[in-house]
């Protein structure tokens, strides 16, 4: 009696999961940033008026640490709500509107600020240095249980958050002081990657009706 040969199984059609995975950009190649929740956790552990004002400016204006150390008393106009930012690395320096909650934080800081010349952020030994600010950030992120982030992550964070808030890539480039918009497009890749991840999850979610 001849045995029937087993018929090869037809190829399965539900392979959509792998296609979504392939479409995602490798996270290791993207700038590391803080989510909105992590930013809130970070500021929840910062009680110093000086440090709250300092890191709020770094985050909201996407400042490099060196750019934060260049801020002086003359950089801030609390009356007209303006801030003058000197960009480095061939960036575009400019005057920008000062967020009202930033102004409130700065007023709180000025009440306890140690007078050490015209530099905006000072300590016992004069103007805060880059290494001091980096050390402060490391201390606060540990207290907030945030791992694997450098202070430059705050600059990345505001770029991503602005895009998530619906601002165009041109606005983000201007906000960060980028002279070349190509330097800003990496952040658009981050938000595209996130959108793909969310879509992939929603596509398989039981609460979403599949119409076939």
Protein backbone atom coordinates (compact mmCIF):
# COMPACT_ATOMS: atom_id res chain seq x y z
CA UNK A 1 0.00 0.00 0.00
CA UNK A 2 1.53 3.23 -1.11
CA UNK A 3 1.80 5.99 1.44
CA UNK A 4 0.44 9.36 0.56
CA UNK A 5 3.07 12.03 0.63
CA UNK A 6 2.38 14.81 3.11
CA UNK A 7 1.32 17.91 1.30
CA UNK A 8 3.40 21.00 2.11
CA UNK A 9 1.58 23.44 4.32
CA UNK A 10 0.45 26.58 2.58
CA UNK A 11 2.35 29.66 3.65
CA UNK A 12 0.74 31.47 6.55
CA UNK A 13 -0.68 34.85 5.76
CA UNK A 14 -0.48 36.54 9.15
CA UNK A 15 3.11 37.78 8.95
CA UNK A 16 2.31 41.46 9.40
CA UNK A 17 4.07 41.67 12.75
CA UNK A 18 7.52 41.16 11.21
CA UNK A 19 6.91 43.82 8.56
CA UNK A 20 6.18 46.39 11.24
CA UNK A 21 9.28 45.37 13.17
CA UNK A 22 11.45 45.79 10.10
CA UNK A 23 10.03 49.24 9.49
CA UNK A 24 11.11 50.48 12.91
CA UNK A 25 14.34 52.41 13.14
CA UNK A 26 17.02 50.98 15.48
CA UNK A 27 16.74 52.75 18.83
CA UNK A 28 20.50 52.66 19.34
CA UNK A 29 20.91 55.00 16.37
CA UNK A 30 18.46 57.59 17.70
CA UNK A 31 19.08 60.32 20.29
CA UNK A 32 18.10 59.27 23.80
CA UNK A 33 15.50 61.54 25.33
CA UNK A 34 13.20 61.74 28.34
CA UNK A 35 9.49 61.12 28.03
CA UNK A 36 7.08 63.70 29.42
CA UNK A 37 6.58 61.49 32.47
CA UNK A 38 10.33 61.27 33.07
CA UNK A 39 10.69 65.04 32.83
CA UNK A 40 7.98 65.40 35.46
CA UNK A 41 9.76 62.88 37.69
CA UNK A 42 13.04 64.75 37.25
CA UNK A 43 11.61 68.08 38.37
CA UNK A 44 9.71 66.46 41.22
CA UNK A 45 13.03 65.72 42.96
CA UNK A 46 14.59 69.16 42.33
CA UNK A 47 13.80 71.53 45.19
CA UNK A 48 16.59 74.10 44.78
CA UNK A 49 15.18 77.31 43.18
CA UNK A 50 18.42 77.75 41.25
CA UNK A 51 18.48 74.23 39.87
CA UNK A 52 14.79 74.25 38.97
CA UNK A 53 15.30 77.46 36.97
CA UNK A 54 18.52 76.13 35.43
CA UNK A 55 17.21 72.78 34.21
CA UNK A 56 13.90 74.29 33.12
CA UNK A 57 15.79 76.64 30.79
CA UNK A 58 18.00 73.81 29.51
CA UNK A 59 14.95 71.65 28.77
CA UNK A 60 12.52 74.23 27.39
CA UNK A 61 15.08 75.98 25.15
CA UNK A 62 17.11 72.91 24.25
CA UNK A 63 20.31 74.42 25.62
CA UNK A 64 23.65 72.70 25.50
CA UNK A 65 25.38 72.80 28.89
CA UNK A 66 27.96 75.26 27.59
CA UNK A 67 25.17 77.54 26.35
CA UNK A 68 23.60 77.51 29.80
CA UNK A 69 26.92 78.59 31.35
CA UNK A 70 27.04 81.57 28.95
CA UNK A 71 23.76 83.03 30.23
CA UNK A 72 24.14 86.31 32.14
CA UNK A 73 21.78 88.58 34.03
CA UNK A 74 21.57 90.64 30.85
CA UNK A 75 20.33 87.58 28.94
CA UNK A 76 17.03 87.72 30.83
CA UNK A 77 14.37 90.41 30.43
CA UNK A 78 11.68 89.63 32.99
CA UNK A 79 9.75 92.81 32.26
CA UNK A 80 9.26 92.10 28.56
CA UNK A 81 9.57 88.31 28.91
CA UNK A 82 12.52 87.75 26.59
CA UNK A 83 15.64 85.60 26.77
CA UNK A 84 18.77 86.06 24.67
CA UNK A 85 20.44 82.75 23.80
CA UNK A 86 23.97 82.49 22.48
CA UNK A 87 24.21 79.28 20.47
CA UNK A 88 27.44 77.35 20.02
CA UNK A 89 28.62 74.84 17.38
CA UNK A 90 27.72 77.20 14.53
CA UNK A 91 24.16 77.55 15.82
CA UNK A 92 21.92 80.58 15.32
CA UNK A 93 21.87 82.91 18.34
CA UNK A 94 18.59 84.71 18.88
CA UNK A 95 16.19 86.44 21.24
CA UNK A 96 13.18 84.31 22.14
CA UNK A 97 10.03 84.78 24.22
CA UNK A 98 10.45 83.76 27.84
CA UNK A 99 7.90 81.23 29.06
CA UNK A 100 5.86 82.72 31.90
CA UNK A 101 6.48 79.74 34.17
CA UNK A 102 10.21 80.14 33.41
CA UNK A 103 9.95 83.76 34.53
CA UNK A 104 8.28 82.62 37.74
CA UNK A 105 11.08 80.13 38.42
CA UNK A 106 13.71 82.77 37.73
CA UNK A 107 12.09 85.25 40.12
CA UNK A 108 12.13 82.60 42.85
CA UNK A 109 15.80 81.95 42.12
CA UNK A 110 16.75 85.64 42.13
CA UNK A 111 15.43 85.94 45.68
CA UNK A 112 18.13 83.52 46.89
CA UNK A 113 20.81 83.99 44.23
CA UNK A 114 24.37 84.44 45.44
CA UNK A 115 25.79 87.59 43.92
CA UNK A 116 28.90 86.49 42.04
CA UNK A 117 29.15 88.79 39.07
CA UNK A 118 26.98 89.02 35.99
CA UNK A 119 26.65 85.29 35.30
CA UNK A 120 23.07 84.04 35.64
CA UNK A 121 23.67 80.78 37.49
CA UNK A 122 26.13 81.00 40.33
CA UNK A 123 27.32 79.04 43.33
CA UNK A 124 29.58 79.55 46.28
CA UNK A 125 32.66 79.83 44.06
CA UNK A 126 31.23 81.97 41.29
CA UNK A 127 29.59 80.96 38.04
CA UNK A 128 28.45 77.35 37.70
CA UNK A 129 30.77 75.32 35.51
CA UNK A 130 29.86 72.67 32.93
CA UNK A 131 31.09 69.80 35.11
CA UNK A 132 29.08 71.04 38.10
CA UNK A 133 25.87 71.15 36.05
CA UNK A 134 26.51 67.67 34.67
CA UNK A 135 27.08 66.34 38.18
CA UNK A 136 23.86 67.92 39.40
CA UNK A 137 21.93 66.30 36.56
CA UNK A 138 23.41 62.89 37.33
CA UNK A 139 22.44 63.26 40.98
CA UNK A 140 18.86 64.25 40.18
CA UNK A 141 18.32 61.53 37.58
CA UNK A 142 19.45 58.91 40.11
CA UNK A 143 17.00 60.29 42.64
CA UNK A 144 14.25 60.18 40.00
CA UNK A 145 15.19 56.61 38.96
CA UNK A 146 16.00 57.68 35.40
CA UNK A 147 18.76 55.60 33.85
CA UNK A 148 20.93 55.92 30.77
CA UNK A 149 20.40 59.63 30.14
CA UNK A 150 22.92 62.46 29.93
CA UNK A 151 22.12 66.12 30.39
CA UNK A 152 22.14 66.49 26.59
CA UNK A 153 19.04 64.28 26.64
CA UNK A 154 17.07 67.33 27.78
CA UNK A 155 17.87 69.04 24.47
CA UNK A 156 16.71 65.93 22.60
CA UNK A 157 13.60 65.79 24.78
CA UNK A 158 12.22 69.22 23.93
CA UNK A 159 12.76 68.54 20.22
CA UNK A 160 10.72 65.35 20.37
CA UNK A 161 8.08 66.90 22.63
CA UNK A 162 7.61 69.86 20.28
CA UNK A 163 7.07 67.49 17.35
CA UNK A 164 4.64 65.44 19.41
CA UNK A 165 2.81 68.67 20.23
CA UNK A 166 2.25 69.20 16.51
CA UNK A 167 4.98 71.74 15.71
CA UNK A 168 6.66 71.51 12.30
CA UNK A 169 10.26 70.55 11.72
CA UNK A 170 11.10 74.14 10.73
CA UNK A 171 9.92 75.47 14.09
CA UNK A 172 11.94 72.84 15.97
CA UNK A 173 15.05 73.71 13.94
CA UNK A 174 14.60 77.40 14.79
CA UNK A 175 13.95 76.60 18.45
CA UNK A 176 17.15 74.58 18.76
CA UNK A 177 19.19 77.14 16.81
CA UNK A 178 19.97 74.72 13.98
CA UNK A 179 21.34 76.47 10.93
CA UNK A 180 20.88 73.33 8.81
CA UNK A 181 17.45 71.70 9.03
CA UNK A 182 19.03 68.33 8.21
CA UNK A 183 20.33 68.29 11.79
CA UNK A 184 16.74 68.40 13.03
CA UNK A 185 15.23 65.65 10.91
CA UNK A 186 16.58 62.92 13.20
CA UNK A 187 13.89 63.91 15.71
CA UNK A 188 11.18 63.42 13.09
CA UNK A 189 12.50 59.88 12.68
CA UNK A 190 11.96 59.31 16.41
CA UNK A 191 8.32 60.37 16.28
CA UNK A 192 7.78 58.32 13.10
CA UNK A 193 9.20 55.28 14.87
CA UNK A 194 6.89 55.85 17.82
CA UNK A 195 3.88 56.20 15.55
CA UNK A 196 4.74 52.90 13.87
CA UNK A 197 5.02 51.15 17.23
CA UNK A 198 1.67 52.50 18.40
CA UNK A 199 0.02 51.53 15.11
CA UNK A 200 1.45 47.99 15.28
CA UNK A 201 0.00 47.56 18.78
CA UNK A 202 -3.37 49.04 17.88
CA UNK A 203 -3.65 46.91 14.77
CA UNK A 204 -3.60 43.76 16.92
CA UNK A 205 -5.56 45.20 19.86
CA UNK A 206 -8.77 43.29 20.71
CA UNK A 207 -10.68 46.53 21.23
CA UNK A 208 -10.15 47.57 17.61
CA UNK A 209 -12.73 46.06 15.24
CA UNK A 210 -11.09 44.38 12.29
CA UNK A 211 -13.13 44.93 9.16
CA UNK A 212 -12.24 42.33 6.50
